[in-house]
Amino acid sequence: MSGFQVVMSDLQDMASTFHTEAQTFQAIMPQSPGGIPDGGSAAFNESLNAAVQLAALAHLQIGADIEGNGSKLQTAHDRYQYTEDNLTALAQQVNPGPLD
């Protein structure tokens, strides 16, 4: 025995938390940032705009990654549940009587 045990409710709770936190993370920054201050020169303004757009894209990607991890946790939960259900059904087919 390796000491490894999957707790189904923990996987479900983690998946739900990741999905919730992904939405929270994505909501803290507007989809299209506006109101970038004027830096005094066109070159600086273009650079500042590019940096803000890059930060917004990185933010969206991080939010998507958090959401993706929630989906992976949900998939792990679903696969463990499916396997457990199938093994239970198989055990009942092999030995349908009471276990005394």
Protein backbone atom coordinates (compact mmCIF):
# COMPACT_ATOMS: atom_id res chain seq x y z
CA MET A 1 0.00 0.00 0.00
CA SER A 2 1.49 3.30 -1.06
CA GLY A 3 -0.52 5.52 1.27
CA PHE A 4 -2.07 7.38 -1.69
CA GLN A 5 -5.78 7.99 -1.36
CA VAL A 6 -8.04 10.06 -3.55
CA VAL A 7 -10.78 11.86 -1.69
CA MET A 8 -13.54 12.47 -4.20
CA SER A 9 -15.12 15.40 -2.36
CA ASP A 10 -11.74 17.14 -2.17
CA LEU A 11 -11.26 16.87 -5.93
CA GLN A 12 -14.77 18.22 -6.50
CA ASP A 13 -14.20 21.08 -4.04
CA MET A 14 -10.85 22.00 -5.62
CA ALA A 15 -12.34 22.00 -9.12
CA SER A 16 -15.16 24.27 -7.97
CA THR A 17 -12.73 26.60 -6.21
CA PHE A 18 -10.50 26.88 -9.27
CA HIS A 19 -13.49 27.70 -11.49
CA THR A 20 -14.74 30.34 -9.04
CA GLU A 21 -11.33 31.92 -8.57
CA ALA A 22 -10.70 31.99 -12.32
CA GLN A 23 -13.86 34.06 -12.76
CA THR A 24 -12.84 36.34 -9.89
CA PHE A 25 -9.34 36.77 -11.33
CA GLN A 26 -10.65 37.55 -14.80
CA ALA A 27 -13.13 40.09 -13.41
CA ILE A 28 -10.52 42.23 -11.64
CA MET A 29 -9.18 43.66 -14.89
CA PRO A 30 -11.24 45.11 -17.73
CA GLN A 31 -11.23 43.18 -21.01
CA SER A 32 -9.97 46.22 -22.93
CA PRO A 33 -8.03 48.65 -20.76
CA GLY A 34 -8.68 52.28 -21.55
CA GLY A 35 -7.68 55.65 -20.25
CA ILE A 36 -3.96 55.23 -20.76
CA PRO A 37 -2.27 58.49 -19.72
CA ASP A 38 -0.49 60.67 -22.24
CA GLY A 39 3.25 60.42 -21.80
CA GLY A 40 4.08 63.48 -23.84
CA SER A 41 5.42 61.82 -26.95
CA ALA A 42 3.91 59.56 -29.58
CA ALA A 43 6.70 56.98 -29.24
CA PHE A 44 6.28 56.74 -25.48
CA ASN A 45 2.49 56.55 -25.80
CA GLU A 46 2.79 53.68 -28.30
CA SER A 47 5.20 51.83 -26.00
CA LEU A 48 2.96 52.39 -22.99
CA ASN A 49 -0.09 51.21 -24.92
CA ALA A 50 1.75 48.08 -26.07
CA ALA A 51 2.86 47.32 -22.50
CA VAL A 52 -0.69 47.72 -21.16
CA GLN A 53 -2.11 45.52 -23.93
CA LEU A 54 0.54 42.88 -23.18
CA ALA A 55 -0.32 42.97 -19.47
CA ALA A 56 -4.02 42.58 -20.33
CA LEU A 57 -3.29 39.59 -22.57
CA ALA A 58 -1.12 37.98 -19.89
CA HIS A 59 -3.91 38.52 -17.38
CA LEU A 60 -6.43 36.81 -19.66
CA GLN A 61 -4.06 33.90 -20.22
CA ILE A 62 -3.48 33.42 -16.50
CA GLY A 63 -7.24 33.43 -15.91
CA ALA A 64 -7.69 30.86 -18.66
CA ASP A 65 -4.95 28.70 -17.14
CA ILE A 66 -6.65 28.79 -13.73
CA GLU A 67 -9.93 27.80 -15.40
CA GLY A 68 -8.12 25.01 -17.28
CA ASN A 69 -6.71 23.62 -14.05
CA GLY A 70 -10.23 23.57 -12.62
CA SER A 71 -11.38 21.60 -15.65
CA LYS A 72 -8.52 19.12 -15.22
CA LEU A 73 -9.45 18.62 -11.58
CA GLN A 74 -13.08 18.06 -12.57
CA THR A 75 -11.98 15.52 -15.19
CA ALA A 76 -9.86 13.71 -12.60
CA HIS A 77 -12.84 13.60 -10.24
CA ASP A 78 -15.15 12.31 -12.97
CA ARG A 79 -12.69 9.59 -14.04
CA TYR A 80 -12.11 8.40 -10.47
CA GLN A 81 -15.87 8.35 -9.89
CA TYR A 82 -16.49 6.40 -13.11
CA THR A 83 -13.78 3.88 -12.22
CA GLU A 84 -15.08 3.48 -8.69
CA ASP A 85 -18.62 2.92 -9.96
CA ASN A 86 -17.43 0.34 -12.50
CA LEU A 87 -15.31 -1.52 -9.95
CA THR A 88 -18.22 -1.61 -7.51
CA ALA A 89 -20.52 -2.99 -10.21
CA LEU A 90 -17.90 -5.58 -11.19
CA ALA A 91 -17.41 -6.67 -7.59
CA GLN A 92 -21.17 -7.10 -7.20
CA GLN A 93 -21.33 -9.20 -10.37
CA VAL A 94 -18.48 -11.44 -9.25
CA ASN A 95 -19.87 -11.92 -5.74
CA PRO A 96 -23.57 -10.98 -5.62
CA GLY A 97 -24.11 -12.49 -2.17
CA PRO A 98 -23.48 -10.91 1.22
CA LEU A 99 -19.89 -10.67 2.38
CA ASP A 100 -19.82 -12.69 5.61
